[in-house]
């Protein structure tokens, strides 16, 4: 089941309710919640996990307030969760493409297509058409599951790598 992303204000309201119930009132402010909501990009699960992680990080340092560094660290701890959520919303073909890129960082688009076709054959799957393949790659790039750089070869060739989600 897919959910429409929350707006920044909706996420801040959700986080405010959670923070008011679970955290010391002086440990957070609206700006703290806004920073978390921006990083969560519309996903309430990620926002709530980030708030929890940031609060744990602040507590571990005996800090009185959740600081941006706590949020950054708390958010980076949720990126595997976000990737998992994103992949669950996609088809098995998307997941296969993601796995190939994970296994072969810097793979170019022609190499990726060949590896994808080979894996489909090995799994006895009907591969998607090249146009659909390109659409899948665009979708996954927009979800920021990986990065696409223009490869230094002739033609419209890209090199794909899994994104670094540390910030």
C-alpha atoms as a PDB file:
ATOM      1  CA  UNK A   1       0.000   0.000   0.000  1.00  0.00           C
ATOM      2  CA  UNK A   2       1.474   3.341  -1.045  1.00  0.00           C
ATOM      3  CA  UNK A   3       0.957   6.489   0.997  1.00  0.00           C
ATOM      4  CA  UNK A   4       1.055  10.039  -0.315  1.00  0.00           C
ATOM      5  CA  UNK A   5       4.059  11.905   1.135  1.00  0.00           C
ATOM      6  CA  UNK A   6       3.251  14.283   3.959  1.00  0.00           C
ATOM      7  CA  UNK A   7       3.873  18.008   3.563  1.00  0.00           C
ATOM      8  CA  UNK A   8       6.561  19.652   5.679  1.00  0.00           C
ATOM      9  CA  UNK A   9       3.896  21.203   7.946  1.00  0.00           C
ATOM     10  CA  UNK A  10       2.065  17.890   8.366  1.00  0.00           C
ATOM     11  CA  UNK A  11       5.309  16.162   9.381  1.00  0.00           C
ATOM     12  CA  UNK A  12       6.139  18.950  11.845  1.00  0.00           C
ATOM     13  CA  UNK A  13       2.675  18.522  13.421  1.00  0.00           C
ATOM     14  CA  UNK A  14       3.169  14.745  13.711  1.00  0.00           C
ATOM     15  CA  UNK A  15       6.612  15.234  15.233  1.00  0.00           C
ATOM     16  CA  UNK A  16       5.346  17.942  17.613  1.00  0.00           C
ATOM     17  CA  UNK A  17       2.721  15.544  18.969  1.00  0.00           C
ATOM     18  CA  UNK A  18       5.339  12.781  19.444  1.00  0.00           C
ATOM     19  CA  UNK A  19       7.911  15.101  20.981  1.00  0.00           C
ATOM     20  CA  UNK A  20       5.378  16.640  23.384  1.00  0.00           C
ATOM     21  CA  UNK A  21       4.432  13.180  24.680  1.00  0.00           C
ATOM     22  CA  UNK A  22       7.893  11.599  24.817  1.00  0.00           C
ATOM     23  CA  UNK A  23      10.567  14.259  25.282  1.00  0.00           C
ATOM     24  CA  UNK A  24      11.443  16.901  27.849  1.00  0.00           C
ATOM     25  CA  UNK A  25       9.802  20.157  26.677  1.00  0.00           C
ATOM     26  CA  UNK A  26      13.088  22.085  26.646  1.00  0.00           C
ATOM     27  CA  UNK A  27      14.950  19.434  24.619  1.00  0.00           C
ATOM     28  CA  UNK A  28      13.414  20.412  21.267  1.00  0.00           C
ATOM     29  CA  UNK A  29      11.851  23.345  19.434  1.00  0.00           C
ATOM     30  CA  UNK A  30       9.949  23.902  16.198  1.00  0.00           C
ATOM     31  CA  UNK A  31      13.170  24.450  14.232  1.00  0.00           C
ATOM     32  CA  UNK A  32      14.429  21.045  15.408  1.00  0.00           C
ATOM     33  CA  UNK A  33      11.236  19.423  14.117  1.00  0.00           C
ATOM     34  CA  UNK A  34      11.456  21.337  10.826  1.00  0.00           C
ATOM     35  CA  UNK A  35      15.015  20.088  10.228  1.00  0.00           C
ATOM     36  CA  UNK A  36      13.890  16.511  10.827  1.00  0.00           C
ATOM     37  CA  UNK A  37      10.840  16.937   8.581  1.00  0.00           C
ATOM     38  CA  UNK A  38      13.010  18.327   5.759  1.00  0.00           C
ATOM     39  CA  UNK A  39      15.359  15.353   5.931  1.00  0.00           C
ATOM     40  CA  UNK A  40      12.448  12.867   5.994  1.00  0.00           C
ATOM     41  CA  UNK A  41      11.169  14.124   2.600  1.00  0.00           C
ATOM     42  CA  UNK A  42       7.504  13.399   3.296  1.00  0.00           C
ATOM     43  CA  UNK A  43       7.926  10.043   5.070  1.00  0.00           C
ATOM     44  CA  UNK A  44       6.459  10.051   8.592  1.00  0.00           C
ATOM     45  CA  UNK A  45       8.147   6.759   9.503  1.00  0.00           C
ATOM     46  CA  UNK A  46      11.556   8.204   8.692  1.00  0.00           C
ATOM     47  CA  UNK A  47      10.754  11.439  10.544  1.00  0.00           C
ATOM     48  CA  UNK A  48       9.648   9.603  13.694  1.00  0.00           C
ATOM     49  CA  UNK A  49      12.667   7.280  13.629  1.00  0.00           C
ATOM     50  CA  UNK A  50      14.980  10.259  13.094  1.00  0.00           C
ATOM     51  CA  UNK A  51      13.438  12.138  16.037  1.00  0.00           C
ATOM     52  CA  UNK A  52      13.837   9.089  18.262  1.00  0.00           C
ATOM     53  CA  UNK A  53      17.433   8.492  17.139  1.00  0.00           C
ATOM     54  CA  UNK A  54      18.326  12.188  17.566  1.00  0.00           C
ATOM     55  CA  UNK A  55      16.877  12.197  21.092  1.00  0.00           C
ATOM     56  CA  UNK A  56      18.823   9.044  21.982  1.00  0.00           C
ATOM     57  CA  UNK A  57      22.002  10.617  20.564  1.00  0.00           C
ATOM     58  CA  UNK A  58      21.456  13.821  22.554  1.00  0.00           C
ATOM     59  CA  UNK A  59      20.794  11.826  25.714  1.00  0.00           C
ATOM     60  CA  UNK A  60      23.931   9.725  25.176  1.00  0.00           C
ATOM     61  CA  UNK A  61      25.958  12.960  25.112  1.00  0.00           C
ATOM     62  CA  UNK A  62      24.076  14.342  28.148  1.00  0.00           C
ATOM     63  CA  UNK A  63      22.989  17.270  25.954  1.00  0.00           C
ATOM     64  CA  UNK A  64      20.056  19.371  27.135  1.00  0.00           C
ATOM     65  CA  UNK A  65      18.794  19.992  23.601  1.00  0.00           C
ATOM     66  CA  UNK A  66      18.668  18.047  20.356  1.00  0.00           C
ATOM     67  CA  UNK A  67      21.265  19.675  18.095  1.00  0.00           C
ATOM     68  CA  UNK A  68      21.609  19.546  14.274  1.00  0.00           C
ATOM     69  CA  UNK A  69      24.494  17.069  14.672  1.00  0.00           C
ATOM     70  CA  UNK A  70      22.187  14.721  16.612  1.00  0.00           C
ATOM     71  CA  UNK A  71      19.633  15.014  13.814  1.00  0.00           C
ATOM     72  CA  UNK A  72      22.222  14.303  11.100  1.00  0.00           C
ATOM     73  CA  UNK A  73      23.463  11.260  12.978  1.00  0.00           C
ATOM     74  CA  UNK A  74      19.913  10.105  13.735  1.00  0.00           C
ATOM     75  CA  UNK A  75      18.892  10.521  10.122  1.00  0.00           C
ATOM     76  CA  UNK A  76      21.857   8.597   8.764  1.00  0.00           C
ATOM     77  CA  UNK A  77      20.797   5.706  10.997  1.00  0.00           C
ATOM     78  CA  UNK A  78      17.410   5.639   9.200  1.00  0.00           C
ATOM     79  CA  UNK A  79      18.680   5.545   5.606  1.00  0.00           C
ATOM     80  CA  UNK A  80      18.722   1.750   5.407  1.00  0.00           C
ATOM     81  CA  UNK A  81      15.124   1.856   6.609  1.00  0.00           C
ATOM     82  CA  UNK A  82      14.190   4.405   3.920  1.00  0.00           C
ATOM     83  CA  UNK A  83      15.838   2.301   1.211  1.00  0.00           C
ATOM     84  CA  UNK A  84      13.961  -0.745   2.448  1.00  0.00           C
ATOM     85  CA  UNK A  85      10.645   1.171   2.365  1.00  0.00           C
ATOM     86  CA  UNK A  86      11.362   2.512  -1.124  1.00  0.00           C
ATOM     87  CA  UNK A  87      12.314  -0.909  -2.502  1.00  0.00           C
ATOM     88  CA  UNK A  88       9.182  -2.505  -1.024  1.00  0.00           C
ATOM     89  CA  UNK A  89       7.071  -0.067  -3.069  1.00  0.00           C
ATOM     90  CA  UNK A  90       8.810  -1.077  -6.286  1.00  0.00           C
ATOM     91  CA  UNK A  91       8.708  -4.174  -8.467  1.00  0.00           C
ATOM     92  CA  UNK A  92      11.031  -7.161  -8.305  1.00  0.00           C
ATOM     93  CA  UNK A  93      12.713  -5.773 -11.444  1.00  0.00           C
ATOM     94  CA  UNK A  94      13.554  -2.509  -9.622  1.00  0.00           C
ATOM     95  CA  UNK A  95      14.969  -4.528  -6.743  1.00  0.00           C
ATOM     96  CA  UNK A  96      17.052  -6.629  -9.121  1.00  0.00           C
ATOM     97  CA  UNK A  97      18.491  -3.481 -10.727  1.00  0.00           C
ATOM     98  CA  UNK A  98      19.296  -2.056  -7.302  1.00  0.00           C
ATOM     99  CA  UNK A  99      21.071  -5.265  -6.293  1.00  0.00           C
ATOM    100  CA  UNK A 100      23.153  -5.308  -9.484  1.00  0.00           C
ATOM    101  CA  UNK A 101      24.257  -1.706  -8.829  1.00  0.00           C
ATOM    102  CA  UNK A 102      25.040  -2.551  -5.189  1.00  0.00           C
ATOM    103  CA  UNK A 103      27.226  -5.436  -6.357  1.00  0.00           C
ATOM    104  CA  UNK A 104      28.943  -3.478  -9.153  1.00  0.00           C
ATOM    105  CA  UNK A 105      29.422   0.210  -8.233  1.00  0.00           C
ATOM    106  CA  UNK A 106      30.181   2.388 -11.228  1.00  0.00           C
ATOM    107  CA  UNK A 107      28.452   0.028 -13.654  1.00  0.00           C
ATOM    108  CA  UNK A 108      27.568   1.752 -16.930  1.00  0.00           C
ATOM    109  CA  UNK A 109      24.086   1.673 -18.419  1.00  0.00           C
ATOM    110  CA  UNK A 110      24.985  -0.804 -21.218  1.00  0.00           C
ATOM    111  CA  UNK A 111      26.698  -3.106 -18.704  1.00  0.00           C
ATOM    112  CA  UNK A 112      23.718  -2.789 -16.367  1.00  0.00           C
ATOM    113  CA  UNK A 113      21.281  -3.708 -19.121  1.00  0.00           C
ATOM    114  CA  UNK A 114      23.363  -6.771 -20.040  1.00  0.00           C
ATOM    115  CA  UNK A 115      23.640  -7.841 -16.385  1.00  0.00           C
ATOM    116  CA  UNK A 116      19.900  -7.300 -15.911  1.00  0.00           C
ATOM    117  CA  UNK A 117      19.014  -9.406 -18.968  1.00  0.00           C
ATOM    118  CA  UNK A 118      21.402 -12.135 -17.820  1.00  0.00           C
ATOM    119  CA  UNK A 119      19.869 -12.182 -14.310  1.00  0.00           C
ATOM    120  CA  UNK A 120      16.332 -12.247 -15.715  1.00  0.00           C
ATOM    121  CA  UNK A 121      17.268 -15.239 -17.862  1.00  0.00           C
ATOM    122  CA  UNK A 122      18.831 -17.001 -14.852  1.00  0.00           C
ATOM    123  CA  UNK A 123      15.666 -16.335 -12.794  1.00  0.00           C
ATOM    124  CA  UNK A 124      13.402 -17.294 -15.696  1.00  0.00           C
ATOM    125  CA  UNK A 125      11.771 -13.833 -15.611  1.00  0.00           C
ATOM    126  CA  UNK A 126      10.486 -11.953 -18.610  1.00  0.00           C
ATOM    127  CA  UNK A 127      12.646  -8.794 -18.758  1.00  0.00           C
ATOM    128  CA  UNK A 128      11.016  -5.404 -19.160  1.00  0.00           C
ATOM    129  CA  UNK A 129      11.355  -3.535 -22.456  1.00  0.00           C
ATOM    130  CA  UNK A 130      14.305  -1.141 -22.850  1.00  0.00           C
ATOM    131  CA  UNK A 131      12.002   1.870 -22.598  1.00  0.00           C
ATOM    132  CA  UNK A 132      10.573   0.536 -19.309  1.00  0.00           C
ATOM    133  CA  UNK A 133      14.119  -0.239 -18.140  1.00  0.00           C
ATOM    134  CA  UNK A 134      15.027   3.432 -18.718  1.00  0.00           C
ATOM    135  CA  UNK A 135      11.891   4.556 -16.867  1.00  0.00           C
ATOM    136  CA  UNK A 136      12.782   2.317 -13.909  1.00  0.00           C
ATOM    137  CA  UNK A 137      16.265   3.802 -13.791  1.00  0.00           C
ATOM    138  CA  UNK A 138      14.820   7.345 -13.792  1.00  0.00           C
ATOM    139  CA  UNK A 139      12.377   6.448 -10.993  1.00  0.00           C
ATOM    140  CA  UNK A 140      15.106   4.958  -8.835  1.00  0.00           C
ATOM    141  CA  UNK A 141      17.388   7.921  -9.428  1.00  0.00           C
ATOM    142  CA  UNK A 142      14.548  10.277  -8.425  1.00  0.00           C
ATOM    143  CA  UNK A 143      14.022   8.222  -5.254  1.00  0.00           C
ATOM    144  CA  UNK A 144      17.732   8.813  -4.637  1.00  0.00           C
ATOM    145  CA  UNK A 145      18.412   5.102  -4.299  1.00  0.00           C
ATOM    146  CA  UNK A 146      21.547   5.619  -6.364  1.00  0.00           C
ATOM    147  CA  UNK A 147      23.386   8.254  -8.340  1.00  0.00           C
ATOM    148  CA  UNK A 148      23.733   8.442 -12.105  1.00  0.00           C
ATOM    149  CA  UNK A 149      26.748  10.215 -13.582  1.00  0.00           C
ATOM    150  CA  UNK A 150      27.431  10.796 -17.215  1.00  0.00           C
ATOM    151  CA  UNK A 151      30.023   8.172 -18.189  1.00  0.00           C
ATOM    152  CA  UNK A 152      33.102   9.321 -20.057  1.00  0.00           C
ATOM    153  CA  UNK A 153      32.261   7.404 -23.205  1.00  0.00           C
ATOM    154  CA  UNK A 154      30.501   8.337 -26.418  1.00  0.00           C
ATOM    155  CA  UNK A 155      26.705   8.387 -26.335  1.00  0.00           C
ATOM    156  CA  UNK A 156      24.098   8.766 -23.601  1.00  0.00           C
ATOM    157  CA  UNK A 157      25.806   6.414 -21.182  1.00  0.00           C
ATOM    158  CA  UNK A 158      25.561   6.752 -17.401  1.00  0.00           C
ATOM    159  CA  UNK A 159      27.528   5.153 -14.593  1.00  0.00           C
ATOM    160  CA  UNK A 160      25.490   4.133 -11.530  1.00  0.00           C
ATOM    161  CA  UNK A 161      26.518   3.875  -7.885  1.00  0.00           C
ATOM    162  CA  UNK A 162      24.578   3.481  -4.681  1.00  0.00           C
ATOM    163  CA  UNK A 163      24.095   6.833  -2.990  1.00  0.00           C
ATOM    164  CA  UNK A 164      25.970   7.807   0.138  1.00  0.00           C
ATOM    165  CA  UNK A 165      23.183   8.721   2.555  1.00  0.00           C
ATOM    166  CA  UNK A 166      25.373  10.126   5.290  1.00  0.00           C
ATOM    167  CA  UNK A 167      24.062  13.671   5.142  1.00  0.00           C
END
